[in-house]
Protein backbone atom coordinates (compact mmCIF):
# COMPACT_ATOMS: atom_id res chain seq x y z
CA MET A 1 17.71 -49.03 90.44
CA ASN A 2 20.57 -50.64 92.12
CA PRO A 3 23.64 -48.20 90.89
CA ASN A 4 26.11 -51.63 91.29
CA LEU A 5 23.48 -52.80 88.21
CA LEU A 6 23.96 -50.20 86.26
CA ILE A 7 27.70 -49.66 86.26
CA LYS A 8 27.55 -53.53 85.40
CA LEU A 9 25.64 -53.38 82.72
CA GLY A 10 27.87 -50.46 81.82
CA ALA A 11 31.45 -52.90 81.84
CA ILE A 12 29.35 -55.29 79.80
CA ALA A 13 28.92 -52.79 77.24
CA ALA A 14 32.39 -51.55 77.48
CA LEU A 15 33.80 -55.24 77.13
CA ILE A 16 31.43 -56.24 74.13
CA ILE A 17 33.10 -53.22 72.52
CA LEU A 18 36.80 -54.14 73.34
CA LEU A 19 36.18 -57.20 72.28
CA MET A 20 35.26 -56.48 68.85
CA ILE A 21 38.97 -55.90 68.20
CA PRO A 22 39.69 -58.92 68.08
CA ILE A 23 37.07 -59.67 65.79
CA ILE A 24 38.32 -57.10 63.29
CA MET A 25 41.82 -58.49 63.61
CA ILE A 26 40.35 -61.95 62.43
CA ASP A 27 38.29 -61.05 59.48
CA GLY A 28 41.62 -59.20 58.28
CA MET A 29 43.55 -62.46 58.90
CA ILE A 30 40.24 -64.22 56.80
CA GLU A 31 41.13 -61.80 54.10
CA GLU A 32 45.08 -62.12 53.71
CA ARG A 33 44.27 -65.63 53.80
CA GLN A 34 41.79 -65.18 50.87
CA GLU A 35 43.54 -63.27 49.04
CA LEU A 36 46.82 -65.67 49.46
CA ARG A 37 45.22 -68.53 48.38
CA ASP A 38 43.85 -66.80 45.42
CA GLY A 39 47.34 -65.56 44.56
CA VAL A 40 48.36 -69.37 44.63
CA LEU A 41 45.60 -70.58 42.67
CA GLU A 42 46.18 -67.36 40.06
CA ASP A 43 50.03 -68.95 40.08
CA ILE A 44 48.85 -72.36 39.29
CA ALA A 45 46.74 -71.30 36.55
CA ARG A 46 49.21 -69.04 34.95
CA SER A 47 52.04 -72.09 34.80
CA SER A 48 49.61 -74.36 33.10
CA SER A 49 46.23 -72.78 31.45
CA HIS A 50 43.58 -70.10 32.41
CA SER A 51 39.59 -70.47 32.19
CA GLN A 52 39.08 -70.85 28.76
CA LYS A 53 36.40 -69.43 26.44
CA ILE A 54 35.61 -71.11 22.97
CA THR A 55 34.61 -68.82 20.00
CA GLY A 56 33.96 -70.05 16.88
CA PRO A 57 34.49 -71.21 14.46
CA LEU A 58 33.81 -68.33 11.78
CA LEU A 59 34.60 -68.09 8.11
CA VAL A 60 36.70 -65.25 7.48
CA VAL A 61 37.18 -64.06 3.82
CA PRO A 62 39.48 -61.43 3.30
CA TYR A 63 39.59 -58.69 0.16
CA ARG A 64 40.54 -55.54 -1.54
CA LYS A 65 37.84 -53.26 -3.19
CA THR A 66 38.97 -50.49 -5.54
CA VAL A 67 37.14 -47.30 -4.41
CA ARG A 68 36.69 -44.35 -7.01
CA GLU A 69 35.92 -41.11 -6.47
CA TRP A 70 35.88 -37.85 -8.06
CA LYS A 71 37.55 -34.98 -7.26
CA THR A 72 38.27 -31.39 -8.35
CA HIS A 73 41.68 -29.98 -8.29
CA ASP A 74 42.58 -26.85 -5.77
CA LYS A 75 44.41 -24.80 -8.04
CA THR A 76 43.21 -25.72 -11.98
CA GLY A 77 39.30 -26.83 -10.72
CA GLU A 78 39.20 -29.50 -12.92
CA ARG A 79 37.74 -32.62 -11.99
CA TYR A 80 39.77 -35.98 -12.07
CA LEU A 81 39.01 -39.86 -10.46
CA GLU A 82 41.10 -41.04 -8.10
CA GLU A 83 41.00 -44.78 -7.02
CA ASN A 84 42.28 -46.12 -3.97
CA GLU A 85 42.39 -49.73 -2.58
CA VAL A 86 40.70 -50.43 0.79
CA SER A 87 41.19 -53.74 2.26
CA GLY A 88 38.01 -55.87 4.67
CA ARG A 89 36.83 -59.19 5.82
CA VAL A 90 33.54 -61.03 5.37
CA TYR A 91 32.63 -62.66 8.01
CA PHE A 92 29.92 -66.09 8.20
CA LEU A 93 28.43 -67.56 11.24
CA PRO A 94 28.11 -71.07 10.99
CA GLU A 95 24.50 -72.41 9.95
CA ARG A 96 24.66 -75.51 12.60
CA LEU A 97 27.15 -75.84 15.30
CA ALA A 98 27.54 -78.97 17.32
CA VAL A 99 29.57 -79.35 20.22
CA GLY A 100 30.08 -82.73 22.57
CA GLY A 101 32.40 -83.24 24.79
CA GLU A 102 33.54 -85.09 28.08
CA ILE A 103 35.42 -83.32 31.17
CA GLY A 104 37.61 -85.25 33.39
CA THR A 105 39.07 -82.80 36.59
CA GLU A 106 42.06 -83.17 38.70
CA LEU A 107 43.45 -81.16 41.43
CA ARG A 108 46.80 -79.36 41.17
CA ALA A 109 48.31 -78.24 44.89
CA ARG A 110 50.99 -76.20 46.05
CA GLY A 111 51.36 -76.17 49.89
CA ILE A 112 48.36 -76.52 51.22
CA TYR A 113 46.07 -74.96 48.58
CA GLN A 114 44.91 -76.51 45.71
CA ALA A 115 43.40 -75.88 42.14
CA ARG A 116 40.80 -78.13 39.99
CA LEU A 117 42.06 -78.32 36.39
CA PHE A 118 39.61 -79.58 33.60
CA HIS A 119 41.06 -81.50 30.46
CA SER A 120 38.36 -81.44 27.96
CA ASN A 121 37.75 -83.78 24.78
CA SER A 122 35.20 -82.43 22.55
CA ARG A 123 34.58 -82.81 18.89
CA LEU A 124 32.93 -79.52 17.17
CA SER A 125 31.25 -80.20 14.20
CA GLY A 126 28.99 -77.94 11.70
CA HIS A 127 28.41 -76.67 8.25
CA PHE A 128 28.39 -72.62 7.11
CA GLU A 129 26.33 -71.71 4.06
CA VAL A 130 27.60 -69.33 1.83
CA PRO A 131 26.37 -66.98 -0.68
CA ALA A 132 27.34 -66.44 -4.07
CA ASN A 133 30.16 -64.45 -4.32
CA PHE A 134 30.23 -64.32 -0.76
CA GLY A 135 27.03 -62.07 -0.70
CA VAL A 136 28.48 -59.47 -2.45
CA THR A 137 26.11 -58.26 -5.28
CA GLU A 138 27.14 -54.36 -6.21
CA ASP A 139 30.59 -53.70 -8.02
CA LEU A 140 31.36 -57.21 -7.98
CA GLY A 141 34.35 -56.23 -10.38
CA ASP A 142 36.10 -54.02 -7.45
CA PHE A 143 36.59 -56.81 -5.50
CA ARG A 144 39.94 -59.02 -5.03
CA PHE A 145 39.29 -61.77 -2.69
CA GLY A 146 42.07 -63.57 -0.49
CA GLU A 147 42.25 -67.10 0.62
CA PRO A 148 39.28 -67.60 2.94
CA PHE A 149 40.06 -69.34 6.37
CA VAL A 150 38.31 -71.08 9.33
CA SER A 151 39.32 -69.12 12.57
CA VAL A 152 38.40 -70.39 16.51
CA GLY A 153 38.92 -67.80 19.03
CA ILE A 154 40.40 -69.75 21.87
CA SER A 155 40.88 -67.40 25.10
CA ASP A 156 44.59 -69.57 26.35
CA ILE A 157 46.05 -71.48 23.68
CA ARG A 158 48.54 -73.00 26.03
CA GLY A 159 45.67 -75.32 26.91
CA ILE A 160 45.39 -76.91 23.58
CA LYS A 161 47.10 -80.48 23.83
CA ASN A 162 46.48 -82.01 20.43
CA ASN A 163 47.56 -81.73 16.54
CA LEU A 164 44.26 -79.84 15.23
CA VAL A 165 42.96 -80.94 11.98
CA LEU A 166 40.31 -79.66 10.22
CA GLU A 167 37.98 -82.50 8.42
CA GLN A 168 35.99 -79.95 5.33
CA GLY A 169 34.50 -82.99 3.30
CA GLU A 170 37.47 -85.23 1.89
CA ARG A 171 40.12 -82.73 3.12
CA LYS A 172 41.87 -82.58 6.04
CA LEU A 173 43.67 -78.88 6.60
CA ALA A 174 46.28 -78.09 9.56
CA PHE A 175 44.99 -75.47 11.87
CA GLN A 176 47.99 -72.79 12.13
CA PRO A 177 48.59 -70.55 15.40
CA GLY A 178 46.80 -67.69 15.81
CA SER A 179 43.29 -66.62 14.71
CA ALA A 180 44.71 -64.46 12.61
CA ASP A 181 41.68 -62.17 13.08
CA GLN A 182 41.74 -59.50 16.07
CA LEU A 183 38.02 -60.18 16.97
CA LEU A 184 38.74 -63.11 17.97
CA GLY A 185 41.72 -62.64 20.21
CA ALA A 186 44.08 -65.99 20.17
CA GLY A 187 43.12 -68.89 19.04
CA VAL A 188 43.73 -70.91 15.80
CA HIS A 189 42.96 -70.87 11.96
CA ALA A 190 42.93 -73.12 9.15
CA PRO A 191 43.31 -71.72 5.15
CA LEU A 192 40.76 -72.90 3.44
CA PRO A 193 41.50 -73.00 -0.19
CA MET A 194 38.43 -72.64 -2.77
CA ALA A 195 38.72 -72.59 -6.58
CA VAL A 196 37.28 -68.99 -8.23
CA ALA A 197 34.61 -70.98 -9.70
CA ASP A 198 32.95 -71.95 -6.94
CA THR A 199 32.74 -68.64 -5.16
CA HIS A 200 30.06 -67.67 -8.33
CA GLN A 201 27.66 -69.74 -6.57
CA ALA A 202 25.98 -70.86 -2.84
CA GLN A 203 27.84 -73.76 -1.76
CA ARG A 204 27.74 -75.66 2.12
CA LEU A 205 31.03 -76.53 3.49
CA ASP A 206 30.84 -78.94 6.36
CA PHE A 207 33.56 -78.43 8.91
CA ALA A 208 34.53 -80.59 12.09
CA PHE A 209 37.57 -80.98 14.43
CA ASP A 210 38.47 -82.98 18.14
CA LEU A 211 39.90 -80.55 20.35
CA LEU A 212 41.76 -81.61 23.60
CA LEU A 213 41.93 -78.79 25.80
CA GLN A 214 42.99 -78.13 29.50
CA GLY A 215 41.62 -74.86 31.78
CA THR A 216 41.39 -73.89 35.54
CA GLY A 217 38.29 -72.96 36.84
CA GLU A 218 35.79 -72.43 33.96
CA LEU A 219 34.95 -73.48 30.42
CA SER A 220 32.64 -71.55 28.07
CA ILE A 221 31.40 -71.54 24.46
CA ALA A 222 30.07 -68.76 22.65
CA PRO A 223 26.83 -69.89 21.04
CA VAL A 224 27.46 -68.93 17.14
CA GLY A 225 25.80 -71.07 15.04
CA ARG A 226 22.24 -70.13 13.78
CA GLU A 227 21.72 -73.29 15.57
CA THR A 228 23.90 -74.15 18.28
CA GLN A 229 23.99 -77.52 20.23
CA VAL A 230 26.12 -78.53 23.20
CA ASP A 231 26.58 -81.53 24.97
CA LEU A 232 28.95 -81.68 28.15
CA SER A 233 29.29 -84.11 30.44
CA ALA A 234 32.01 -84.45 33.28
CA ASP A 235 32.94 -86.14 36.41
CA TRP A 236 32.58 -83.26 38.69
CA PRO A 237 29.50 -83.43 40.88
CA HIS A 238 29.39 -79.76 41.72
CA PRO A 239 29.12 -77.85 38.73
CA SER A 240 28.03 -74.26 38.72
CA PHE A 241 26.45 -73.17 35.37
CA ILE A 242 27.57 -69.74 33.62
CA GLY A 243 26.94 -67.21 31.48
CA GLU A 244 23.59 -65.70 29.65
CA TYR A 245 21.79 -68.99 28.66
CA LEU A 246 21.09 -72.07 31.22
CA PRO A 247 21.26 -75.73 29.92
CA SER A 248 18.28 -76.48 28.57
CA GLU A 249 18.67 -80.61 30.28
CA ARG A 250 20.44 -81.26 32.96
CA GLU A 251 21.68 -84.24 35.04
CA ILE A 252 23.35 -84.26 38.40
CA THR A 253 24.17 -87.35 40.55
CA ALA A 254 27.26 -87.94 42.92
CA LYS A 255 29.41 -88.86 39.99
CA GLY A 256 29.03 -85.68 38.16
CA PHE A 257 27.07 -84.39 35.68
CA SER A 258 25.87 -84.00 31.98
CA ALA A 259 24.10 -80.65 30.29
CA ARG A 260 22.81 -80.09 26.92
CA TRP A 261 22.53 -75.92 25.85
CA GLN A 262 20.18 -75.37 22.63
CA THR A 263 20.16 -71.84 21.40
CA SER A 264 18.83 -70.38 17.82
CA PHE A 265 20.04 -67.22 16.40
CA PHE A 266 16.25 -65.97 17.82
CA ALA A 267 17.57 -66.17 21.02
CA THR A 268 21.19 -65.17 20.73
CA ASN A 269 21.31 -62.04 17.68
CA MET A 270 24.66 -63.22 16.85
CA GLU A 271 24.71 -62.06 13.41
CA GLU A 272 23.73 -58.35 14.33
CA ALA A 273 26.43 -58.49 17.33
CA LEU A 274 29.34 -59.96 14.47
CA ASN A 275 27.68 -56.84 12.17
CA ASP A 276 28.39 -54.19 14.87
CA CYS A 277 31.84 -55.89 16.09
CA ALA A 278 33.25 -55.63 12.91
CA ASN A 279 31.79 -52.71 11.65
CA ALA A 280 31.50 -50.16 14.56
CA GLY A 281 34.07 -51.71 16.82
CA ASP A 282 31.67 -52.27 19.41
CA CYS A 283 32.42 -56.45 20.49
CA ASN A 284 30.86 -55.95 23.72
CA ALA A 285 27.73 -58.14 23.02
CA PHE A 286 29.31 -60.35 20.78
CA LEU A 287 32.14 -61.34 22.89
CA GLY A 288 29.73 -61.24 25.74
CA ARG A 289 27.37 -64.01 24.89
CA GLN A 290 28.39 -67.37 26.52
CA PHE A 291 27.61 -70.02 28.54
CA GLY A 292 29.34 -72.64 30.07
CA VAL A 293 30.17 -74.57 33.42
CA SER A 294 32.43 -73.45 36.33
CA PHE A 295 34.49 -75.83 38.05
CA ILE A 296 35.28 -73.96 40.99
CA ASP A 297 34.88 -76.22 44.44
CA PRO A 298 31.48 -74.46 46.47
CA VAL A 299 32.98 -75.20 49.82
CA ASP A 300 34.96 -72.24 49.95
CA GLN A 301 36.27 -72.26 54.12
CA TYR A 302 37.21 -68.49 53.77
CA LEU A 303 33.77 -67.47 52.67
CA LYS A 304 31.90 -69.58 55.60
CA SER A 305 34.43 -68.18 58.19
CA ASP A 306 33.88 -64.96 56.86
CA ARG A 307 29.83 -65.84 57.46
CA ALA A 308 30.06 -67.47 60.73
CA LEU A 309 32.13 -64.15 61.68
CA LYS A 310 29.48 -61.82 61.08
CA TYR A 311 27.60 -63.88 63.81
CA ALA A 312 30.33 -62.79 66.31
CA LEU A 313 28.48 -59.96 67.75
CA LEU A 314 25.19 -61.88 68.68
CA PHE A 315 27.22 -64.60 70.17
CA ILE A 316 28.91 -62.55 72.74
CA ALA A 317 25.95 -60.68 73.52
CA LEU A 318 23.72 -63.34 73.78
CA THR A 319 26.33 -64.87 76.21
CA PHE A 320 26.98 -62.06 78.39
CA ALA A 321 23.17 -61.83 78.56
CA GLY A 322 23.22 -65.89 80.07
CA PHE A 323 25.68 -64.68 82.73
CA PHE A 324 23.96 -61.90 83.41
CA LEU A 325 20.55 -63.43 83.85
CA PHE A 326 22.58 -65.83 86.22
CA GLU A 327 23.79 -62.55 88.26
CA VAL A 328 20.16 -61.20 88.70
CA LEU A 329 18.54 -64.69 88.74
CA LYS A 330 20.56 -66.18 91.29
CA ARG A 331 21.73 -63.28 92.83
CA LEU A 332 25.76 -64.18 92.20
CA SER A 333 28.02 -61.87 91.04
CA VAL A 334 30.57 -62.51 87.71
CA HIS A 335 33.70 -60.15 88.02
CA PRO A 336 33.96 -58.03 84.58
CA VAL A 337 37.56 -60.16 84.16
CA GLN A 338 35.51 -63.20 84.04
CA TYR A 339 32.98 -61.86 81.51
CA GLY A 340 36.26 -60.96 79.26
CA LEU A 341 37.77 -64.43 79.80
CA VAL A 342 34.74 -66.00 78.13
CA GLY A 343 34.47 -63.06 75.38
CA LEU A 344 37.98 -63.76 74.16
CA SER A 345 37.05 -67.67 74.17
CA LEU A 346 34.51 -66.69 72.05
CA ALA A 347 36.55 -64.77 69.86
CA MET A 348 39.11 -67.96 69.26
CA PHE A 349 36.53 -69.70 68.21
CA TYR A 350 36.91 -68.30 64.81
CA LEU A 351 40.72 -67.93 64.83
CA LEU A 352 40.56 -72.05 65.20
CA LEU A 353 37.87 -72.39 62.76
CA LEU A 354 39.91 -70.58 60.01
CA SER A 355 43.19 -71.86 60.64
CA LEU A 356 41.49 -76.15 60.77
CA ALA A 357 39.43 -75.10 57.50
CA GLU A 358 42.62 -74.61 55.78
CA HIS A 359 43.55 -77.95 56.46
CA MET A 360 40.20 -80.11 56.21
CA ALA A 361 36.68 -80.11 55.50
CA PHE A 362 34.94 -77.15 56.86
CA ALA A 363 32.21 -79.32 58.70
CA GLN A 364 34.98 -80.98 60.44
CA ALA A 365 36.86 -78.04 61.45
CA TYR A 366 33.92 -76.18 62.90
CA SER A 367 33.34 -79.50 64.84
CA LEU A 368 36.50 -79.55 66.12
CA ALA A 369 36.63 -75.45 66.63
CA ALA A 370 32.88 -76.01 68.34
CA SER A 371 33.60 -78.75 70.53
CA ALA A 372 37.32 -77.32 71.89
CA CYS A 373 35.83 -73.89 73.01
CA VAL A 374 32.17 -75.17 74.57
CA LEU A 375 34.60 -77.56 76.13
CA LEU A 376 36.68 -74.85 77.81
CA ILE A 377 33.97 -72.11 78.28
CA GLY A 378 32.15 -74.86 80.11
CA PHE A 379 34.50 -76.07 82.07
CA TYR A 380 35.73 -72.59 83.33
CA VAL A 381 31.84 -71.30 83.85
CA SER A 382 31.40 -74.39 86.44
CA HIS A 383 34.04 -72.76 88.31
CA VAL A 384 32.83 -69.46 88.52
CA LEU A 385 29.42 -70.09 88.61
CA HIS A 386 30.26 -72.84 91.65
CA SER A 387 28.04 -75.38 90.51
CA TRP A 388 28.70 -78.01 87.88
CA LEU A 389 24.81 -78.27 87.05
CA ARG A 390 24.65 -74.51 86.50
CA GLY A 391 28.24 -74.67 84.14
CA ALA A 392 26.50 -78.27 82.24
CA GLY A 393 23.29 -75.98 81.60
CA PHE A 394 25.19 -73.00 80.17
CA THR A 395 27.22 -75.53 78.26
CA ALA A 396 24.71 -76.85 76.92
CA ALA A 397 22.99 -73.54 75.97
CA LEU A 398 26.06 -72.64 74.07
CA ALA A 399 26.60 -75.70 72.16
CA GLY A 400 23.26 -74.87 70.96
CA LEU A 401 24.19 -71.82 69.51
CA TYR A 402 27.14 -72.75 67.93
CA ALA A 403 24.87 -75.66 66.33
CA MET A 404 22.48 -72.83 65.12
CA LEU A 405 25.15 -71.15 64.12
CA TYR A 406 26.17 -73.99 61.55
CA ALA A 407 22.47 -74.28 60.47
CA LEU A 408 22.44 -71.02 59.70
CA LEU A 409 25.78 -71.24 57.40
CA SER A 410 24.63 -74.39 55.75
CA ALA A 411 21.35 -72.55 54.99
CA GLU A 412 21.84 -69.77 52.91
CA ASP A 413 18.30 -69.15 51.30
CA TYR A 414 16.90 -69.15 54.67
CA ALA A 415 19.21 -67.59 57.00
CA LEU A 416 17.84 -64.78 57.66
CA LEU A 417 14.91 -66.45 58.71
CA MET A 418 16.33 -68.80 60.63
CA GLY A 419 18.63 -66.02 62.22
CA SER A 420 15.22 -63.94 63.12
CA LEU A 421 13.44 -66.78 64.39
CA LEU A 422 16.80 -67.36 66.74
CA VAL A 423 16.73 -64.02 68.16
CA PHE A 424 13.03 -63.73 68.99
CA GLY A 425 13.16 -66.99 70.72
CA LEU A 426 15.98 -66.20 72.67
CA LEU A 427 14.13 -62.63 73.50
CA ALA A 428 11.20 -64.57 74.45
CA ALA A 429 13.13 -66.88 76.81
CA VAL A 430 14.75 -64.26 78.36
CA MET A 431 11.28 -62.52 78.81
CA VAL A 432 9.62 -65.68 80.00
CA LEU A 433 12.45 -66.03 82.70
CA THR A 434 12.50 -62.33 84.00
CA ARG A 435 8.66 -61.51 83.80
CA LYS A 436 8.50 -62.27 87.77
CA LEU A 437 11.80 -59.95 88.31
CA ASP A 438 11.32 -56.89 90.31
CA TRP A 439 14.28 -55.17 88.43
CA TYR A 440 13.73 -52.22 90.90
CA GLY A 441 13.89 -54.25 93.81
CA ILE A 442 17.24 -55.94 92.59
CA ALA A 443 19.94 -55.20 95.59
CA LYS A 444 23.56 -55.82 95.81
CA PRO A 445 24.10 -59.59 95.73
CA THR A 446 24.06 -61.19 98.94
CA THR A 447 26.71 -64.05 97.17
CA THR A 448 30.14 -62.92 95.96
CA LEU A 449 32.08 -65.27 93.57
CA ALA A 450 36.04 -65.25 92.84
């Protein structure tokens, strides 16, 4: 084989490796811009309110209990009765919890970055089934119960936009700041005066309250009821349902979505999870069981730019392969510098895509960046190959590659299949074009092009 051919192949391989340097630098720039965007969104959330999680309501009954224990005196050996007082709390989950809410969204901008806030107008209602003497059946005389209260955990209380009032039968009780219970963390609570006589018999406690809540990113709800039903509707047409339970019913249109969740104690096992949390301090199961919706924009220009960049090596290799085929089939000579300039143009596409996508829709940014690079390379290649016809064919092939890349980015589920078919088709085309080529007989090109 002609030694010049081997040198040319080695030079092309070296150029591909060198072109990975700007590609890696652009990849680092994507990560930096993404971190900057995330930092700005975090600042917006910090100045307004973060993602919101509603846990509760729970009925909490504090108590003090007298504990008696016989002990033996160390010196005299006499036995004596020691009395101590311990404190604790009894927790009751709602027998039924219903949540209905309408959600509106708005954009908050800072510079070129935008964060999507949501405003939830919800009503929570249901009832507790409280057993006689709060479920205490032994040593009742040793217990002294405090004033019960209804506690609701709200992850970021800055997002509460209304005066919360608990409707308990005919009574209206004002909520107070703080959940008053470390299990729920941040939130609100409402003292629930109960007559002592009422505690000696089982009773039903109804509750309802309205909650106007602002947040950023996600709204999630813990299914604390023995039966929990949540109905949410919003003007956001791209919901991402999160958590351990998907909606049993949902409808998504261009104007928004509506969804319904319905769970039971059999599916959530929240009572056992709450007992583990209160008695053993293991609250992962209780606090981790939730469902909800995310309002994050699914079109992440940085993620798509990064995905496009992963095909950079394939793009450069295929473009150089096209140049090389012109050399061997048309007996032309393309200088390594010309290979390098075309390769840099391909790399510039990703930088243009990143910068344009920060100011416009990704599809529009991709179209502009790809068109600019295709036209530039097509103009240059037409002069390199001394033929507008050859340049037009090369340009059309390159435009087809960019179209295929966009299809790969858009079809996430079929990206591997489409990519495999693309590579196989290109390999088949090369094999067909070079099927009669005598590789051993390739001599020094007879035409030299500057």
